[in-house]
Protein backbone atom coordinates (compact mmCIF):
# COMPACT_ATOMS: atom_id res chain seq x y z
CA UNK A 1 -207.24 -71.67 59.62
CA UNK A 2 -208.93 -68.51 58.39
CA UNK A 3 -211.16 -70.01 55.71
CA UNK A 4 -212.66 -66.74 54.49
CA UNK A 5 -209.40 -64.99 53.57
CA UNK A 6 -208.63 -67.25 50.59
CA UNK A 7 -212.11 -66.79 49.10
CA UNK A 8 -211.90 -63.03 49.58
CA UNK A 9 -208.48 -63.02 47.94
CA UNK A 10 -209.69 -64.87 44.85
CA UNK A 11 -212.63 -62.49 44.47
CA UNK A 12 -210.36 -59.48 44.84
CA UNK A 13 -207.91 -60.88 42.28
CA UNK A 14 -210.62 -61.37 39.71
CA UNK A 15 -211.73 -57.77 40.11
CA UNK A 16 -208.36 -56.02 40.47
CA UNK A 17 -205.78 -58.16 38.61
CA UNK A 18 -202.80 -56.44 40.32
CA UNK A 19 -199.43 -56.18 38.61
CA UNK A 20 -197.41 -55.68 41.82
CA UNK A 21 -197.03 -57.89 44.92
CA UNK A 22 -199.98 -57.46 47.24
CA UNK A 23 -200.50 -58.26 50.91
CA UNK A 24 -204.17 -58.94 51.60
CA UNK A 25 -204.93 -58.32 55.28
CA UNK A 26 -208.01 -59.64 57.08
CA UNK A 27 -208.67 -57.72 60.31
CA UNK A 28 -211.46 -60.12 61.31
CA UNK A 29 -208.96 -62.97 61.23
CA UNK A 30 -206.57 -61.01 63.45
CA UNK A 31 -209.22 -60.22 66.00
CA UNK A 32 -210.38 -63.84 66.04
CA UNK A 33 -206.81 -64.95 66.71
CA UNK A 34 -206.46 -62.43 69.52
CA UNK A 35 -209.65 -63.71 71.15
CA UNK A 36 -208.30 -67.26 70.86
CA UNK A 37 -205.22 -66.19 72.85
CA UNK A 38 -207.35 -64.23 75.31
CA UNK A 39 -209.73 -67.13 75.92
CA UNK A 40 -207.05 -69.80 76.38
CA UNK A 41 -203.88 -68.24 77.82
CA UNK A 42 -203.93 -68.03 81.64
CA UNK A 43 -202.38 -64.58 81.89
CA UNK A 44 -201.60 -61.26 80.21
CA UNK A 45 -201.15 -61.06 76.42
CA UNK A 46 -198.55 -58.62 75.09
CA UNK A 47 -198.34 -58.34 71.30
CA UNK A 48 -194.77 -58.35 69.89
CA UNK A 49 -194.90 -55.34 67.59
CA UNK A 50 -191.81 -56.38 65.63
CA UNK A 51 -193.81 -59.09 63.83
CA UNK A 52 -196.04 -56.57 62.08
CA UNK A 53 -196.20 -52.90 62.98
CA UNK A 54 -198.67 -51.81 60.31
CA UNK A 55 -201.16 -49.24 61.53
CA UNK A 56 -204.08 -51.44 60.45
CA UNK A 57 -202.74 -54.30 62.59
CA UNK A 58 -202.26 -52.18 65.70
CA UNK A 59 -205.63 -50.52 65.18
CA UNK A 60 -207.43 -53.87 64.85
CA UNK A 61 -205.81 -55.19 68.03
CA UNK A 62 -206.63 -52.05 69.99
CA UNK A 63 -210.22 -52.16 68.74
CA UNK A 64 -210.43 -55.78 69.97
CA UNK A 65 -209.37 -54.66 73.45
CA UNK A 66 -205.67 -55.51 73.60
CA UNK A 67 -203.77 -52.86 75.56
CA UNK A 68 -200.33 -54.40 76.18
CA UNK A 69 -197.47 -54.43 73.67
CA UNK A 70 -193.95 -55.84 73.59
CA UNK A 71 -191.67 -53.24 71.99
CA UNK A 72 -188.04 -53.34 70.90
CA UNK A 73 -187.42 -49.70 69.97
CA UNK A 74 -188.56 -46.14 70.51
CA UNK A 75 -190.20 -45.94 67.05
CA UNK A 76 -192.31 -48.97 67.98
CA UNK A 77 -193.21 -47.31 71.28
CA UNK A 78 -194.32 -44.12 69.52
CA UNK A 79 -196.32 -46.08 66.98
CA UNK A 80 -198.21 -47.97 69.68
CA UNK A 81 -198.94 -44.83 71.70
CA UNK A 82 -200.24 -43.06 68.60
CA UNK A 83 -203.03 -45.66 68.51
CA UNK A 84 -203.50 -46.17 72.23
CA UNK A 85 -202.01 -43.39 74.41
CA UNK A 86 -202.70 -45.40 77.58
CA UNK A 87 -201.26 -48.68 76.28
CA UNK A 88 -198.91 -50.65 78.52
CA UNK A 89 -195.56 -51.22 76.81
CA UNK A 90 -192.93 -53.74 77.87
CA UNK A 91 -189.48 -52.70 76.61
CA UNK A 92 -188.04 -56.19 76.17
CA UNK A 93 -185.08 -55.51 73.93
CA UNK A 94 -182.38 -56.22 76.56
CA UNK A 95 -179.85 -53.83 74.98
CA UNK A 96 -180.81 -50.16 74.89
CA UNK A 97 -179.01 -46.86 74.62
CA UNK A 98 -179.14 -44.35 77.45
CA UNK A 99 -181.42 -42.17 75.33
CA UNK A 100 -183.72 -45.14 74.68
CA UNK A 101 -184.13 -45.59 78.43
CA UNK A 102 -184.73 -41.91 79.07
CA UNK A 103 -187.33 -41.63 76.31
CA UNK A 104 -189.16 -44.76 77.40
CA UNK A 105 -189.21 -43.73 81.06
CA UNK A 106 -190.52 -40.27 80.12
CA UNK A 107 -193.30 -41.98 78.13
CA UNK A 108 -194.36 -43.98 81.16
CA UNK A 109 -192.79 -47.38 80.41
CA UNK A 110 -192.44 -49.33 83.65
CA UNK A 111 -191.22 -52.77 82.47
CA UNK A 112 -187.71 -53.30 81.13
CA UNK A 113 -185.80 -56.47 80.26
CA UNK A 114 -182.09 -56.90 80.95
CA UNK A 115 -179.62 -59.76 80.58
CA UNK A 116 -176.33 -58.23 81.81
CA UNK A 117 -175.10 -56.07 84.68
CA UNK A 118 -174.04 -53.18 82.45
CA UNK A 119 -177.65 -52.73 81.34
CA UNK A 120 -178.83 -52.71 84.95
CA UNK A 121 -176.33 -49.94 85.73
CA UNK A 122 -177.37 -48.01 82.62
CA UNK A 123 -181.07 -48.20 83.49
CA UNK A 124 -180.44 -47.18 87.10
CA UNK A 125 -178.51 -44.12 85.97
CA UNK A 126 -181.54 -43.01 83.90
CA UNK A 127 -184.22 -43.21 86.59
CA UNK A 128 -183.92 -39.67 87.88
CA UNK A 129 -186.83 -39.07 90.26
CA UNK A 130 -188.40 -42.45 89.43
CA UNK A 131 -187.81 -44.98 92.20
CA UNK A 132 -186.69 -48.55 91.40
CA UNK A 133 -189.81 -49.82 93.17
CA UNK A 134 -191.88 -48.34 90.32
CA UNK A 135 -190.00 -50.43 87.74
CA UNK A 136 -190.46 -54.09 86.87
CA UNK A 137 -187.04 -55.53 86.04
CA UNK A 138 -187.57 -58.57 83.83
CA UNK A 139 -184.44 -60.74 83.81
CA UNK A 140 -184.07 -62.55 80.50
CA UNK A 141 -182.35 -65.93 80.81
CA UNK A 142 -181.49 -68.70 78.39
CA UNK A 143 -181.00 -72.46 78.43
CA UNK A 144 -179.10 -74.84 76.15
CA UNK A 145 -182.44 -76.27 75.07
CA UNK A 146 -183.89 -76.09 71.59
CA UNK A 147 -187.22 -76.45 69.92
CA UNK A 148 -187.49 -73.43 67.64
CA UNK A 149 -186.55 -72.86 64.04
CA UNK A 150 -183.48 -70.99 65.22
CA UNK A 151 -181.90 -70.23 68.57
CA UNK A 152 -182.75 -66.89 70.19
CA UNK A 153 -180.24 -67.57 72.96
CA UNK A 154 -177.31 -66.99 70.62
CA UNK A 155 -177.81 -63.21 70.94
CA UNK A 156 -179.74 -62.49 74.13
CA UNK A 157 -180.23 -64.06 77.53
CA UNK A 158 -178.18 -64.52 80.68
CA UNK A 159 -177.03 -67.98 81.65
CA UNK A 160 -178.44 -69.24 84.93
CA UNK A 161 -175.58 -68.05 87.21
CA UNK A 162 -175.71 -64.57 85.68
CA UNK A 163 -179.52 -64.52 85.86
CA UNK A 164 -179.30 -65.25 89.60
CA UNK A 165 -176.73 -62.48 90.02
CA UNK A 166 -178.99 -60.04 88.17
CA UNK A 167 -181.98 -61.02 90.30
CA UNK A 168 -180.07 -60.39 93.50
CA UNK A 169 -178.59 -57.10 92.27
CA UNK A 170 -181.95 -55.87 91.04
CA UNK A 171 -183.69 -56.84 94.27
CA UNK A 172 -180.99 -55.15 96.35
CA UNK A 173 -181.44 -51.98 94.29
CA UNK A 174 -185.17 -52.03 95.01
CA UNK A 175 -186.63 -53.15 91.67
CA UNK A 176 -189.62 -55.46 91.28
CA UNK A 177 -188.20 -58.69 89.86
CA UNK A 178 -189.67 -60.80 87.07
CA UNK A 179 -188.24 -63.41 84.71
CA UNK A 180 -188.59 -63.78 80.95
CA UNK A 181 -187.39 -66.21 78.28
CA UNK A 182 -187.93 -67.04 74.62
CA UNK A 183 -187.76 -70.67 73.42
CA UNK A 184 -187.06 -69.67 69.80
CA UNK A 185 -189.27 -68.77 66.88
CA UNK A 186 -191.71 -71.36 65.52
CA UNK A 187 -191.14 -73.60 68.54
CA UNK A 188 -192.80 -77.01 68.17
CA UNK A 189 -191.36 -78.85 71.18
CA UNK A 190 -193.78 -78.54 74.09
CA UNK A 191 -191.17 -79.54 76.65
CA UNK A 192 -189.13 -76.42 75.81
CA UNK A 193 -191.58 -74.33 77.83
CA UNK A 194 -191.52 -76.86 80.67
CA UNK A 195 -187.71 -76.78 80.76
CA UNK A 196 -187.65 -72.99 80.98
CA UNK A 197 -190.38 -72.83 83.61
CA UNK A 198 -188.60 -75.41 85.77
CA UNK A 199 -185.39 -73.36 85.50
CA UNK A 200 -187.27 -70.17 86.39
CA UNK A 201 -188.69 -71.80 89.50
CA UNK A 202 -185.23 -73.00 90.52
CA UNK A 203 -183.84 -69.48 90.07
CA UNK A 204 -186.58 -68.14 92.32
CA UNK A 205 -185.92 -70.76 95.00
CA UNK A 206 -182.12 -70.52 94.85
CA UNK A 207 -182.17 -66.71 95.16
CA UNK A 208 -185.09 -66.75 97.63
CA UNK A 209 -186.75 -64.09 95.48
CA UNK A 210 -190.43 -64.50 94.65
CA UNK A 211 -190.80 -63.21 91.13
CA UNK A 212 -193.68 -60.89 90.30
CA UNK A 213 -194.32 -62.26 86.81
CA UNK A 214 -193.05 -64.93 84.46
CA UNK A 215 -193.04 -64.00 80.78
CA UNK A 216 -193.10 -67.22 78.76
CA UNK A 217 -192.07 -65.40 75.62
CA UNK A 218 -193.25 -65.83 72.10
CA UNK A 219 -192.16 -68.67 69.89
CA UNK A 220 -195.69 -70.01 69.50
CA UNK A 221 -195.75 -71.59 66.06
CA UNK A 222 -197.84 -70.49 63.10
CA UNK A 223 -199.35 -72.99 60.67
CA UNK A 224 -197.07 -73.38 57.66
CA UNK A 225 -198.40 -76.59 56.14
CA UNK A 226 -196.65 -78.89 58.61
CA UNK A 227 -197.66 -80.19 62.03
CA UNK A 228 -197.47 -77.70 64.90
CA UNK A 229 -198.93 -78.03 68.39
CA UNK A 230 -202.18 -76.22 69.04
CA UNK A 231 -202.22 -73.19 71.32
CA UNK A 232 -204.36 -75.01 73.87
CA UNK A 233 -201.81 -77.80 74.16
CA UNK A 234 -198.96 -75.32 74.66
CA UNK A 235 -200.87 -73.35 77.27
CA UNK A 236 -201.81 -76.49 79.20
CA UNK A 237 -198.12 -77.45 79.22
CA UNK A 238 -197.25 -74.02 80.58
CA UNK A 239 -199.97 -74.07 83.22
CA UNK A 240 -199.05 -77.59 84.36
CA UNK A 241 -195.35 -76.72 84.60
CA UNK A 242 -195.98 -73.55 86.61
CA UNK A 243 -198.18 -75.41 89.06
CA UNK A 244 -195.68 -78.27 89.34
CA UNK A 245 -192.56 -76.19 89.98
CA UNK A 246 -193.57 -72.96 91.75
CA UNK A 247 -194.68 -72.77 95.37
CA UNK A 248 -195.76 -69.13 95.00
CA UNK A 249 -197.36 -68.90 91.57
CA UNK A 250 -196.21 -65.90 89.51
CA UNK A 251 -198.55 -64.04 87.21
CA UNK A 252 -198.02 -65.12 83.61
CA UNK A 253 -197.35 -63.03 80.50
CA UNK A 254 -196.89 -64.11 76.88
CA UNK A 255 -195.74 -62.03 73.93
CA UNK A 256 -196.95 -63.60 70.67
CA UNK A 257 -195.89 -62.06 67.39
CA UNK A 258 -195.78 -64.56 64.54
CA UNK A 259 -198.55 -66.75 65.98
CA UNK A 260 -200.81 -63.72 66.39
CA UNK A 261 -200.53 -62.20 62.92
CA UNK A 262 -199.25 -64.84 60.47
CA UNK A 263 -202.66 -66.17 59.47
CA UNK A 264 -204.15 -62.72 58.97
CA UNK A 265 -202.44 -61.97 55.67
CA UNK A 266 -202.07 -63.59 52.27
CA UNK A 267 -199.34 -62.58 49.81
CA UNK A 268 -200.27 -62.39 46.14
CA UNK A 269 -197.37 -62.64 43.66
CA UNK A 270 -197.52 -62.68 39.89
CA UNK A 271 -195.63 -65.09 37.66
CA UNK A 272 -193.26 -63.22 35.36
CA UNK A 273 -192.00 -66.31 33.56
CA UNK A 274 -191.81 -70.10 33.78
CA UNK A 275 -188.80 -72.05 32.58
CA UNK A 276 -189.09 -75.79 33.14
CA UNK A 277 -189.33 -76.23 36.89
CA UNK A 278 -188.23 -72.66 37.56
CA UNK A 279 -190.83 -69.99 38.36
CA UNK A 280 -189.90 -66.30 38.20
CA UNK A 281 -192.01 -64.07 40.47
CA UNK A 282 -192.46 -60.34 40.91
CA UNK A 283 -191.48 -60.70 44.59
CA UNK A 284 -188.68 -62.57 46.34
CA UNK A 285 -186.36 -62.83 49.31
CA UNK A 286 -185.48 -59.13 49.20
CA UNK A 287 -189.18 -58.35 49.39
CA UNK A 288 -192.03 -59.95 51.32
CA UNK A 289 -190.58 -63.46 50.96
CA UNK A 290 -187.46 -62.64 52.98
CA UNK A 291 -187.89 -65.49 55.47
CA UNK A 292 -187.90 -68.14 52.73
CA UNK A 293 -184.11 -68.43 52.96
CA UNK A 294 -183.75 -68.69 56.75
CA UNK A 295 -187.00 -70.31 57.84
CA UNK A 296 -187.95 -72.16 54.65
CA UNK A 297 -191.10 -71.40 52.73
CA UNK A 298 -194.59 -72.19 53.87
CA UNK A 299 -196.25 -75.14 52.15
CA UNK A 300 -199.53 -73.29 52.12
CA UNK A 301 -199.30 -72.13 48.51
CA UNK A 302 -202.19 -71.74 46.07
CA UNK A 303 -202.55 -70.77 42.42
CA UNK A 304 -204.95 -68.57 40.48
CA UNK A 305 -205.26 -67.60 36.86
CA UNK A 306 -204.86 -63.97 35.83
CA UNK A 307 -208.66 -63.62 36.20
CA UNK A 308 -208.71 -64.88 39.79
CA UNK A 309 -209.97 -68.35 38.87
CA UNK A 310 -208.41 -70.99 41.14
CA UNK A 311 -206.08 -73.37 39.34
CA UNK A 312 -206.12 -77.05 40.36
CA UNK A 313 -203.05 -78.29 42.19
CA UNK A 314 -200.63 -80.48 40.31
CA UNK A 315 -200.52 -84.25 40.70
CA UNK A 316 -197.82 -84.30 43.36
CA UNK A 317 -195.52 -82.09 45.39
CA UNK A 318 -192.13 -81.63 43.83
CA UNK A 319 -189.19 -79.29 44.48
CA UNK A 320 -189.77 -76.08 42.56
CA UNK A 321 -187.18 -73.36 42.18
CA UNK A 322 -188.65 -69.91 42.72
CA UNK A 323 -186.74 -66.82 41.65
CA UNK A 324 -187.38 -63.26 42.74
CA UNK A 325 -187.28 -60.25 40.39
CA UNK A 326 -183.89 -58.79 41.35
CA UNK A 327 -180.62 -59.31 39.48
CA UNK A 328 -179.11 -61.09 42.51
CA UNK A 329 -178.78 -64.87 42.11
CA UNK A 330 -179.34 -65.24 45.89
CA UNK A 331 -182.88 -64.04 45.30
CA UNK A 332 -184.21 -67.59 45.09
CA UNK A 333 -185.68 -70.37 47.19
CA UNK A 334 -186.97 -73.90 46.78
CA UNK A 335 -190.41 -75.03 47.89
CA UNK A 336 -192.15 -78.36 47.43
CA UNK A 337 -195.47 -77.55 45.79
CA UNK A 338 -197.98 -79.32 43.55
CA UNK A 339 -197.31 -76.99 40.60
CA UNK A 340 -200.35 -76.80 38.27
CA UNK A 341 -199.71 -77.78 34.67
CA UNK A 342 -201.94 -74.87 33.61
CA UNK A 343 -199.79 -72.21 35.29
CA UNK A 344 -198.68 -69.48 32.88
CA UNK A 345 -196.92 -66.12 32.96
CA UNK A 346 -199.37 -63.53 34.24
CA UNK A 347 -201.04 -65.94 36.66
CA UNK A 348 -200.84 -65.57 40.43
CA UNK A 349 -199.24 -67.58 43.22
CA UNK A 350 -200.76 -67.08 46.67
CA UNK A 351 -198.69 -67.57 49.83
CA UNK A 352 -200.88 -67.99 52.91
CA UNK A 353 -199.90 -67.22 56.47
CA UNK A 354 -197.72 -64.23 55.52
CA UNK A 355 -198.80 -61.71 58.16
CA UNK A 356 -195.57 -61.92 60.18
CA UNK A 357 -192.35 -60.19 59.11
CA UNK A 358 -193.25 -60.03 55.39
CA UNK A 359 -193.70 -56.26 55.14
CA UNK A 360 -191.28 -55.62 58.04
CA UNK A 361 -188.32 -57.26 56.25
CA UNK A 362 -188.98 -55.86 52.79
CA UNK A 363 -185.78 -54.12 51.60
CA UNK A 364 -186.93 -52.87 48.15
CA UNK A 365 -183.46 -53.79 46.88
CA UNK A 366 -182.76 -53.20 43.19
CA UNK A 367 -185.90 -51.08 42.88
CA UNK A 368 -188.19 -54.06 43.53
CA UNK A 369 -190.27 -54.82 46.60
CA UNK A 370 -192.86 -52.07 46.31
CA UNK A 371 -196.13 -53.71 47.17
CA UNK A 372 -199.75 -52.96 47.89
CA UNK A 373 -201.23 -53.42 51.34
CA UNK A 374 -204.94 -54.10 51.02
CA UNK A 375 -207.44 -54.45 53.84
CA UNK A 376 -209.95 -57.11 52.92
CA UNK A 377 -213.51 -56.34 54.02
CA UNK A 378 -215.23 -58.44 56.64
CA UNK A 379 -217.99 -59.27 54.18
CA UNK A 380 -216.52 -61.35 51.38
CA UNK A 381 -218.75 -60.09 48.55
CA UNK A 382 -217.59 -56.49 48.93
CA UNK A 383 -214.48 -55.39 47.07
CA UNK A 384 -211.39 -54.71 49.16
CA UNK A 385 -210.49 -51.21 50.23
CA UNK A 386 -206.82 -50.24 49.95
CA UNK A 387 -205.26 -48.48 52.93
């Protein structure tokens, strides 16, 4: 999608020839993606910080005008506020400690998600002089419906009877009531959003509680070399479902993470060795390629010689075994790629669409995983500037 990043990466490789894994970040691509969300989603955009909390990412989003963030922890809250002291933060991790609540409330957070009565009681005990009417209580619910790469409802979310109970209890206590859901990461089934929106409308009608906002979650898919629905198609599905099922239309919120940042970053790995159809890299599943085991590897893979010269793809895609640098035999994954016959040790393999979770899940196990983070310039003929 971001056609300039690959060209910038090849130029940078030719000049720098790095010997450690490198994440090449394109802030222009991130801001373009944010504007795509802003121009097409019919509501508020809240960036899910967990996907990529790098300072350069948060700074680029703030510079583009985004001022709402979905946080899951106090460190994420502090990181956001260090870039934008007046940012709006939605604390949508449904399970929090008492101290988490107190710290967030003291920092001015006014939106909290819950999915069980014990968390409602815990939050209420922390309000102090803050009245419930100042707080938006976002009830997270789940359905036995699937469309994502894995099921988010296995850990969080109230079933529909419990969600109704939470709505009534929260309303009785004086909170402003909203609803939130998450269809699962990398969701490709458009009807998943329709199913959730229909259920949200039924909850509102059954409880006779008009919700303030409906947060349609994240789950928007990133391009990984396979078909995914376009953002515009997803948002039209959402808009149509809201209009079809709600009498009193709630304000909409979305919280993209992966879909916002994935295409902003390209991972450069170096080939340590090649043995038949096995390729040994200087990065692996304990580093920036952590998701390769659970989510499968992107098919957007390119190849460059040690001097940055692009290598032609092989004749056909075939299963290739990739091994990471650690001594653990689990540090491996299979991807179907057109492996170039010219590929040699010292050359580079480029994984596109690696802006989400790559640096966040890096463990540096076994002494490996140290990587460079490089901010590519907006003008492709300038050399990159490391940050």
